[in-house]
Protein backbone atom coordinates (compact mmCIF):
# COMPACT_ATOMS: atom_id res chain seq x y z
CA MET A 1 64.59 61.92 20.79
CA LYS A 2 67.97 62.15 22.56
CA SER A 3 68.02 65.81 21.85
CA CYS A 4 64.50 66.37 23.20
CA GLY A 5 65.06 64.15 26.22
CA SER A 6 68.21 66.09 27.15
CA ARG A 7 66.37 69.38 26.93
CA ILE A 8 63.60 68.15 29.28
CA LEU A 9 66.15 66.76 31.74
CA TRP A 10 68.02 70.06 31.82
CA GLN A 11 64.78 72.01 32.36
CA ASN A 12 63.84 69.72 35.26
CA PHE A 13 67.28 70.16 36.83
CA ALA A 14 67.10 73.96 36.51
CA LEU A 15 63.64 74.00 38.08
CA PHE A 16 64.85 71.84 40.97
CA PHE A 17 67.89 74.07 41.59
CA LEU A 18 65.71 77.20 41.60
CA LEU A 19 63.29 75.59 44.03
CA LEU A 20 66.19 74.65 46.35
CA ILE A 21 67.46 78.24 46.46
CA VAL A 22 63.98 79.54 47.30
CA MET A 23 63.63 77.01 50.13
CA LEU A 24 66.99 77.99 51.58
CA LEU A 25 66.12 81.69 51.50
CA PHE A 26 62.78 80.98 53.13
CA SER A 27 64.48 78.90 55.81
CA ALA A 28 66.95 81.73 56.62
CA CYS A 29 64.19 84.34 56.87
CA SER A 30 62.11 82.22 59.17
CA THR A 31 65.14 81.59 61.59
CA ASN A 32 65.62 85.34 62.12
CA LYS A 33 61.97 85.83 62.77
CA ASN A 34 61.90 83.00 65.23
CA VAL A 35 64.84 84.28 67.42
CA LYS A 36 63.52 84.53 70.96
CA LYS A 37 63.53 88.00 72.46
CA ALA A 38 65.83 88.30 75.53
CA PRO A 39 64.05 88.83 78.89
CA ASP A 40 64.22 92.35 80.28
CA PHE A 41 67.69 93.55 81.32
CA LYS A 42 68.03 94.22 85.03
CA VAL A 43 70.53 94.93 87.81
CA VAL A 44 70.27 92.01 90.21
CA GLU A 45 72.43 93.48 92.99
CA ILE A 46 75.43 95.61 93.89
CA LYS A 47 77.47 94.55 96.91
CA LEU A 48 80.49 96.01 98.68
CA ALA A 49 83.19 93.94 100.34
CA LYS A 50 86.76 94.09 101.63
CA GLY A 51 88.01 91.42 99.25
CA ILE A 52 87.10 88.96 96.48
CA LYS A 53 88.17 85.48 95.40
CA ALA A 54 87.32 83.31 92.41
CA ILE A 55 86.10 79.84 93.38
CA ASP A 56 84.83 77.38 90.74
CA ASN A 57 84.64 80.22 88.21
CA ARG A 58 82.40 82.26 90.49
CA ASP A 59 83.17 85.46 92.41
CA VAL A 60 83.07 85.02 96.17
CA LEU A 61 83.04 88.23 98.21
CA LEU A 62 85.19 88.35 101.35
CA ALA A 63 83.82 90.26 104.35
CA PRO A 64 80.82 92.01 102.69
CA THR A 65 80.13 95.29 104.46
CA ASN A 66 79.21 98.94 104.01
CA THR A 67 81.75 100.16 106.61
CA PHE A 68 85.51 100.33 106.05
CA THR A 69 88.55 101.53 108.01
CA ALA A 70 92.11 102.63 107.30
CA LYS A 71 93.34 99.11 108.00
CA ASP A 72 91.28 97.63 105.14
CA ASN A 73 93.18 97.14 101.91
CA ALA A 74 90.37 98.05 99.53
CA VAL A 75 86.67 98.57 98.80
CA ILE A 76 85.28 96.11 96.23
CA ALA A 77 82.13 97.14 94.33
CA HIS A 78 80.63 93.95 92.82
CA VAL A 79 77.71 94.09 90.37
CA THR A 80 75.46 91.31 89.07
CA LEU A 81 73.46 91.94 85.87
CA ALA A 82 70.86 89.72 84.21
CA ASN A 83 69.74 89.26 80.59
CA VAL A 84 72.43 91.27 78.80
CA ALA A 85 72.20 91.31 75.00
CA GLY A 86 74.41 93.27 72.62
CA ASN A 87 77.66 95.15 73.27
CA HIS A 88 77.89 97.60 76.15
CA ASP A 89 80.31 99.69 78.24
CA MET A 90 80.39 99.53 82.05
CA LYS A 91 82.13 102.06 84.32
CA TRP A 92 82.51 102.79 88.02
CA GLU A 93 82.68 106.28 89.53
CA TRP A 94 83.84 106.77 93.12
CA TYR A 95 82.84 109.96 94.97
CA ARG A 96 84.36 111.44 98.13
CA PRO A 97 82.17 112.50 101.09
CA ASP A 98 82.17 116.11 99.79
CA GLY A 99 80.63 114.91 96.50
CA SER A 100 83.73 115.41 94.33
CA LEU A 101 84.86 112.67 91.95
CA TYR A 102 87.71 110.62 93.41
CA TYR A 103 88.24 108.05 90.65
CA GLU A 104 86.64 106.99 87.38
CA SER A 105 87.39 103.54 85.98
CA ASP A 106 88.13 102.79 82.35
CA PRO A 107 85.16 101.36 80.38
CA HIS A 108 84.71 97.61 80.69
CA LYS A 109 83.35 95.92 77.57
CA ILE A 110 80.42 93.48 77.79
CA MET A 111 80.08 91.46 74.56
CA PRO A 112 77.74 88.43 74.56
CA ALA A 113 77.92 86.14 71.51
CA LYS A 114 76.16 87.56 68.47
CA GLY A 115 72.49 86.68 68.38
CA LYS A 116 72.52 85.54 72.01
CA TYR A 117 72.16 87.11 75.43
CA ALA A 118 73.95 86.48 78.76
CA GLU A 119 71.64 85.34 81.50
CA GLU A 120 74.08 86.59 84.17
CA VAL A 121 77.08 88.95 84.09
CA THR A 122 79.22 89.70 87.17
CA LEU A 123 81.74 92.53 87.22
CA TRP A 124 83.70 94.34 89.93
CA HIS A 125 86.05 97.24 90.52
CA LYS A 126 88.01 98.39 93.56
CA ILE A 127 89.80 101.34 95.11
CA SER A 128 92.61 100.98 97.63
CA ILE A 129 92.34 102.36 101.16
CA LYS A 130 95.40 101.30 103.14
CA ASN A 131 98.44 103.43 102.28
CA ASP A 132 96.51 105.33 99.63
CA SER A 133 95.06 108.83 99.37
CA ALA A 134 91.50 107.66 100.06
CA GLN A 135 92.54 107.82 103.70
CA GLN A 136 92.53 111.57 103.47
CA HIS A 137 88.74 111.62 103.18
CA PRO A 138 86.83 109.88 105.99
CA GLY A 139 83.05 109.98 105.81
CA LYS A 140 80.22 108.69 103.61
CA TRP A 141 81.38 107.72 100.11
CA THR A 142 79.35 106.80 97.02
CA VAL A 143 80.14 104.46 94.15
CA LYS A 144 78.04 104.78 90.99
CA ILE A 145 77.72 102.15 88.25
CA LEU A 146 77.33 103.46 84.68
CA PHE A 147 75.96 101.35 81.80
CA ASP A 148 76.48 102.92 78.38
CA GLY A 149 76.93 106.29 80.07
CA GLY A 150 73.81 106.15 82.25
CA ILE A 151 73.72 105.45 85.99
CA ILE A 152 72.04 102.11 86.67
CA ALA A 153 72.99 101.65 90.35
CA SER A 154 74.77 103.35 93.24
CA LYS A 155 75.86 102.39 96.72
CA HIS A 156 76.94 104.34 99.82
CA PHE A 157 79.62 103.25 102.28
CA ASP A 158 81.29 104.71 105.36
CA LEU A 159 85.04 105.18 105.66
CA LYS A 160 85.77 105.44 109.39
CA LEU A 161 89.37 106.26 110.14
CA ASP A 162 91.54 106.61 113.22
CA LYS A 163 93.84 109.57 112.60
CA ARG A 164 96.80 107.49 113.72
CA ASP A 165 96.15 105.09 110.82
CA ILE A 166 95.77 107.69 108.08
CA VAL A 167 98.52 108.11 105.51
CA TYR A 168 99.17 111.77 104.69
CA ASP A 169 100.99 113.43 101.81
CA VAL A 170 104.44 113.32 103.41
CA ASP A 171 103.87 109.62 104.14
CA VAL A 172 103.37 108.63 100.51
CA ASN A 173 105.31 111.15 98.43
CA ILE A 174 108.70 109.93 99.60
CA PRO A 175 111.43 110.53 97.02
CA SER A 176 113.99 107.85 96.20
CA THR A 177 117.53 109.08 95.66
CA ALA A 178 120.81 107.46 94.68
CA MET A 179 122.27 108.20 98.13
CA GLN A 180 123.91 105.25 99.86
CA ASN A 181 124.87 105.26 103.53
CA PRO A 182 125.55 101.58 104.27
CA ASP A 183 127.42 102.25 107.53
CA GLY A 184 125.01 104.90 108.83
CA ILE A 185 123.24 104.08 112.11
CA ALA A 186 119.93 105.68 113.12
CA VAL A 187 117.83 105.71 116.28
CA VAL A 188 114.25 106.85 115.65
CA ILE A 189 112.09 107.33 118.75
CA GLY A 190 108.35 107.99 118.97
CA ASN A 191 107.08 108.26 122.54
CA ARG A 192 103.32 108.51 122.30
CA THR A 193 101.65 106.76 125.24
CA TYR A 194 102.82 107.56 128.77
CA GLN A 195 102.09 105.54 131.88
CA HIS A 196 101.57 108.42 134.31
CA GLN A 197 98.04 109.80 134.38
CA ASP A 198 99.26 113.41 134.31
CA ILE A 199 101.20 112.96 131.07
CA PRO A 200 98.97 113.23 127.99
CA PRO A 201 99.84 111.26 124.85
CA VAL A 202 101.91 112.81 122.08
CA GLU A 203 99.24 111.96 119.54
CA TYR A 204 101.33 111.65 116.38
CA ALA A 205 104.67 110.48 117.74
CA HIS A 206 104.36 106.99 116.25
CA ASN A 207 103.35 108.41 112.86
CA ASP A 208 106.32 110.76 112.98
CA ALA A 209 108.81 108.03 113.81
CA GLU A 210 107.51 105.53 111.25
CA THR A 211 107.64 108.08 108.44
CA VAL A 212 111.12 109.32 109.39
CA LYS A 213 112.32 105.73 109.08
CA LYS A 214 110.93 105.54 105.52
CA TYR A 215 112.80 108.71 104.54
CA LEU A 216 116.00 107.38 106.05
CA ILE A 217 115.78 104.32 103.81
CA LYS A 218 114.41 105.77 100.57
CA THR A 219 115.84 109.28 100.61
CA LEU A 220 118.97 109.21 102.77
CA GLY A 221 120.18 105.72 101.85
CA TYR A 222 120.29 104.08 105.28
CA ARG A 223 119.97 100.29 105.50
CA GLU A 224 116.83 99.12 107.30
CA GLU A 225 118.80 96.77 109.54
CA ASN A 226 120.83 99.77 110.77
CA ILE A 227 117.76 101.68 111.98
CA PHE A 228 116.39 101.28 115.50
CA LEU A 229 112.69 102.20 115.39
CA GLU A 230 111.75 102.68 119.03
CA LYS A 231 108.19 103.30 120.24
CA ASP A 232 107.23 104.24 123.80
CA ILE A 233 110.64 103.61 125.36
CA THR A 234 111.46 103.62 129.05
CA LYS A 235 114.38 105.17 130.90
CA ALA A 236 116.10 101.79 130.89
CA ARG A 237 115.86 101.66 127.11
CA PHE A 238 117.28 105.20 126.81
CA GLU A 239 120.23 104.10 128.91
CA ALA A 240 120.69 100.89 126.93
CA LEU A 241 120.78 102.83 123.67
CA PHE A 242 122.83 105.89 124.63
CA GLY A 243 124.69 104.88 127.78
CA ILE A 244 124.72 106.10 131.36
CA TYR A 245 126.80 108.56 133.39
CA GLY A 246 130.40 107.48 133.15
CA ASN A 247 129.78 104.91 130.41
CA HIS A 248 128.83 105.86 126.85
CA ARG A 249 129.11 102.32 125.48
CA GLY A 250 125.45 101.58 124.87
CA ILE A 251 123.90 99.74 121.93
CA LEU A 252 124.49 102.67 119.60
CA TYR A 253 128.21 102.55 120.40
CA ASP A 254 128.34 98.85 119.49
CA TYR A 255 126.97 99.46 116.00
CA ILE A 256 129.25 102.32 114.97
CA LYS A 257 132.23 101.79 112.67
CA PRO A 258 134.82 104.34 113.85
CA SER A 259 135.16 107.32 111.49
CA GLN A 260 132.89 105.59 108.94
CA SER A 261 129.41 105.61 110.46
CA ASP A 262 127.10 108.59 110.37
CA VAL A 263 124.69 108.79 113.30
CA PHE A 264 121.12 110.06 112.84
CA ILE A 265 118.84 110.45 115.86
CA TYR A 266 115.20 111.51 115.78
CA TYR A 267 112.95 112.02 118.80
CA SER A 268 109.23 112.81 118.95
CA GLY A 269 107.78 112.94 122.44
CA HIS A 270 107.66 114.99 125.60
CA GLY A 271 110.55 116.94 127.05
CA LEU A 272 110.67 118.50 130.49
CA ALA A 273 112.89 120.68 132.66
CA ASP A 274 113.84 120.05 136.26
CA LEU A 275 112.52 123.08 138.11
CA ASP A 276 115.48 123.23 140.49
CA ASP A 277 118.29 123.61 137.98
CA MET A 278 116.39 124.17 134.70
CA LYS A 279 118.18 121.30 132.99
CA GLY A 280 116.30 119.55 130.22
CA TYR A 281 115.28 115.89 130.09
CA PHE A 282 113.74 113.51 127.61
CA VAL A 283 110.59 112.06 129.18
CA PRO A 284 110.58 108.25 129.02
CA VAL A 285 107.13 106.65 129.08
CA ASP A 286 107.62 105.40 132.65
CA SER A 287 108.54 108.83 134.05
CA TYR A 288 107.07 110.65 137.02
CA PRO A 289 107.09 114.33 135.94
CA ALA A 290 107.53 115.85 139.38
CA LYS A 291 110.78 113.87 139.81
CA ILE A 292 112.12 114.10 136.28
CA ALA A 293 115.74 114.50 137.49
CA PHE A 294 115.49 110.95 138.87
CA ASN A 295 113.61 109.18 136.11
CA GLY A 296 114.16 111.24 132.97
CA TYR A 297 117.07 111.01 130.55
CA ALA A 298 119.14 114.16 130.75
CA LEU A 299 119.86 116.19 127.62
CA ALA A 300 123.34 116.95 128.96
CA LEU A 301 124.09 113.22 129.32
CA PHE A 302 122.67 112.55 125.86
CA TYR A 303 124.99 115.07 124.18
CA GLU A 304 127.98 114.15 126.34
CA ASN A 305 127.77 110.46 125.44
CA LEU A 306 127.20 111.20 121.76
CA SER A 307 130.33 113.36 121.73
CA LYS A 308 132.38 110.33 122.82
CA LEU A 309 131.25 108.18 119.92
CA GLU A 310 133.69 107.82 117.05
CA SER A 311 131.08 108.60 114.43
CA ARG A 312 131.85 110.45 111.21
CA ARG A 313 128.93 112.90 111.50
CA THR A 314 126.02 113.25 113.91
CA THR A 315 122.57 114.59 113.00
CA ILE A 316 119.89 115.10 115.64
CA ILE A 317 116.27 116.03 114.91
CA LEU A 318 114.11 116.84 117.95
CA ASP A 319 110.33 117.33 117.82
CA ALA A 320 109.96 118.06 121.52
CA CYS A 321 109.83 121.07 123.76
CA PHE A 322 111.78 120.91 127.01
CA SER A 323 109.65 123.56 128.67
CA GLY A 324 107.27 120.77 129.65
CA GLY A 325 104.40 122.36 127.78
CA THR A 326 101.87 120.25 125.87
CA ASN A 327 100.01 120.79 122.63
CA SER A 328 96.87 121.69 124.59
CA GLY A 329 98.76 124.49 126.35
CA GLU A 330 98.92 122.71 129.72
CA PHE A 331 102.10 121.86 131.59
CA LEU A 332 103.34 118.46 132.70
CA ILE A 333 104.01 119.86 136.17
CA LYS A 334 100.75 121.52 137.16
CA SER A 335 102.25 124.21 139.39
CA ALA A 336 104.67 125.49 136.74
CA SER A 337 104.40 127.51 133.56
CA PRO A 338 106.38 127.11 130.33
CA ALA A 339 106.78 130.88 130.21
CA LEU A 340 109.04 130.71 133.28
CA ILE A 341 111.40 128.09 131.84
CA LYS A 342 114.36 128.61 129.53
CA ILE A 343 116.53 125.61 128.67
CA ASP A 344 120.10 126.44 127.69
CA THR A 345 120.45 123.83 124.96
CA GLU A 346 123.11 125.41 122.79
CA ASN A 347 125.92 125.26 125.36
CA ILE A 348 125.68 121.47 125.81
CA ILE A 349 125.74 120.55 122.09
CA GLN A 350 129.06 119.60 120.51
CA SER A 351 129.84 121.89 117.61
CA ASP A 352 130.37 119.13 115.05
CA ALA A 353 126.80 117.86 115.45
CA ALA A 354 123.92 119.27 113.44
CA VAL A 355 120.90 119.67 115.73
CA LEU A 356 117.56 120.81 114.36
CA ALA A 357 115.02 121.38 117.13
CA SER A 358 111.31 122.07 116.84
CA SER A 359 111.22 125.08 119.15
CA ASP A 360 113.19 127.44 121.35
CA GLY A 361 113.75 126.49 124.97
CA ASP A 362 110.70 128.17 126.49
CA GLN A 363 108.22 127.38 123.71
CA ILE A 364 105.68 124.62 123.08
CA SER A 365 105.96 122.21 120.15
CA SER A 366 102.63 121.96 118.37
CA TRP A 367 100.75 119.37 116.34
CA TYR A 368 99.39 119.59 112.82
CA ASP A 369 96.13 117.68 113.23
CA GLU A 370 95.07 117.97 109.59
CA GLN A 371 98.32 116.28 108.52
CA GLY A 372 98.57 113.70 111.31
CA HIS A 373 102.07 114.74 112.42
CA GLY A 374 103.85 117.04 114.76
CA LEU A 375 103.90 120.48 113.13
CA PHE A 376 107.69 120.61 113.01
CA SER A 377 108.01 116.98 111.86
CA TYR A 378 105.57 117.59 109.02
CA PHE A 379 107.57 120.54 107.66
CA PHE A 380 110.88 118.74 108.22
CA LEU A 381 109.65 115.74 106.20
CA LYS A 382 108.15 117.93 103.50
CA GLY A 383 111.43 119.81 103.25
CA LEU A 384 113.41 116.58 103.16
CA GLY A 385 111.20 115.46 100.28
CA GLY A 386 112.40 118.36 98.11
CA SER A 387 110.50 121.46 99.19
CA ALA A 388 113.56 122.77 101.05
CA ASP A 389 115.70 122.83 97.88
CA LEU A 390 115.32 126.58 97.80
CA ASN A 391 117.92 127.23 95.08
CA SER A 392 116.87 124.24 92.92
CA ASP A 393 120.37 122.72 92.79
CA SER A 394 119.13 119.18 93.57
CA GLN A 395 120.60 119.14 97.06
CA ILE A 396 119.50 120.33 100.48
CA THR A 397 121.86 121.72 103.10
CA PHE A 398 121.08 121.99 106.81
CA GLN A 399 120.76 125.74 106.37
CA GLU A 400 118.21 125.26 103.59
CA ILE A 401 116.05 122.87 105.56
CA TYR A 402 116.25 125.18 108.56
CA ASP A 403 115.26 128.17 106.43
CA TYR A 404 112.33 126.15 105.11
CA VAL A 405 110.92 124.95 108.44
CA SER A 406 111.46 128.31 110.14
CA ASP A 407 109.94 130.43 107.34
CA ARG A 408 107.76 133.04 109.03
CA SER A 409 105.48 133.27 105.98
CA ASP A 410 104.70 129.59 105.40
CA GLY A 411 106.71 127.49 107.84
CA VAL A 412 106.36 126.37 111.45
CA PRO A 413 106.19 129.89 112.99
CA TYR A 414 103.33 130.93 110.69
CA TRP A 415 101.29 127.74 111.08
CA ALA A 416 101.80 127.55 114.85
CA LYS A 417 100.21 130.98 115.15
CA ARG A 418 97.45 130.19 112.69
CA LEU A 419 96.50 126.78 114.07
CA HIS A 420 97.06 127.40 117.78
CA GLY A 421 95.75 130.86 118.59
CA GLY A 422 98.90 132.92 118.10
CA ARG A 423 101.31 130.43 119.68
CA GLU A 424 105.02 131.18 119.23
CA GLN A 425 107.11 128.30 117.89
CA THR A 426 110.48 128.94 116.31
CA PRO A 427 112.67 126.00 115.19
CA MET A 428 116.36 126.19 116.09
CA LEU A 429 119.52 125.01 114.32
CA TYR A 430 122.65 124.33 116.40
CA GLY A 431 126.20 123.31 115.48
CA ASN A 432 128.60 124.47 112.76
CA ARG A 433 127.46 122.26 109.89
CA HIS A 434 125.00 124.69 108.33
CA GLU A 435 126.40 124.31 104.83
CA ASP A 436 126.79 120.52 104.95
CA VAL A 437 124.56 118.66 102.51
CA LEU A 438 121.79 116.56 104.04
CA VAL A 439 120.17 115.30 100.81
CA ASN A 440 121.40 114.83 97.24
CA PHE A 441 118.69 114.20 94.63
């Protein structure tokens, strides 16, 4: 009886265990079948903005717009998706106004929990504008959103730029060197906007001056606190910086350490000759062109006062023509012609200074509109950045940078003719420091 009873009990237990397994399998099968199907996937919206901030775990767009300028830091492309199930890749493609691809983002993974779907997914990507190469391409841009390789949305936006705000290649590709010039003093002048109605602006003078300052710091090793960046200066400011007749002890004099300080001076702006004696003058922004001998700053005084400074070396870069001609081909004094004027610059320059000028005395200094700089300043900066290292010895002499900017095949003379209807513009190098090194890389 015990034996029989044990057998029956074991059979009942085995039957129960088998039934339990069947029920569990049935339960699992019916859960899969009963999973709710996700609602249809859709793109809710794509918005553009100038910025973005996370608040309470949600993206908040700052200044939504479809129009951007050079002063905006970035374009944000924000996308909202609904009902996303499974794993997917998301990408952004940014296209220039000419239709060419500007930038393609890396894939962004979307991975909802297995067996579930995300009711809402928000993602964004950006490209920089300010101080980036996007500034080279004003016009109507397009950003496309790709989902698993297919385009699911796109958006157009306008990039409206003022040429004065655009960053060009010489503005961003600035080489850093190991050069150190802790005692060097620089005066960098950009005279763009003049007060007299007959004096047109020098469109890119501020751009020129600002970029020269960057090269002084990064490439030539000057300390920022030793650089005077001067925009739209008056005659009084010229005199304060460089001195007056009979007194050379201006601000520049005060900053120089005798026999230790190098002096670097850059000027972008108008120059003009006095028609009575054909002497050249810098044109301060408060000048009256017909009386330039009274309210200009004389070149002869400029060089005379510099020669009295106890500097170690002096370098002068001039993007100005002293014929009084303008980029448009007009003349600051309406009754005169640049062709009749010849400034004798060489005889007033001290021999131990290196002076690189944008043009000969009777020529006009031109602009390079496509690059947002004076034509000469553009090639000077490009040369300073390494292009003038003609023998590839990792240093640039004054002769090398002169040879580069004055190259008749691809320098200032060639591009002045090409861009300005055959205009003659020949840079000049004065002084006896031709073989001195300007840059060491």
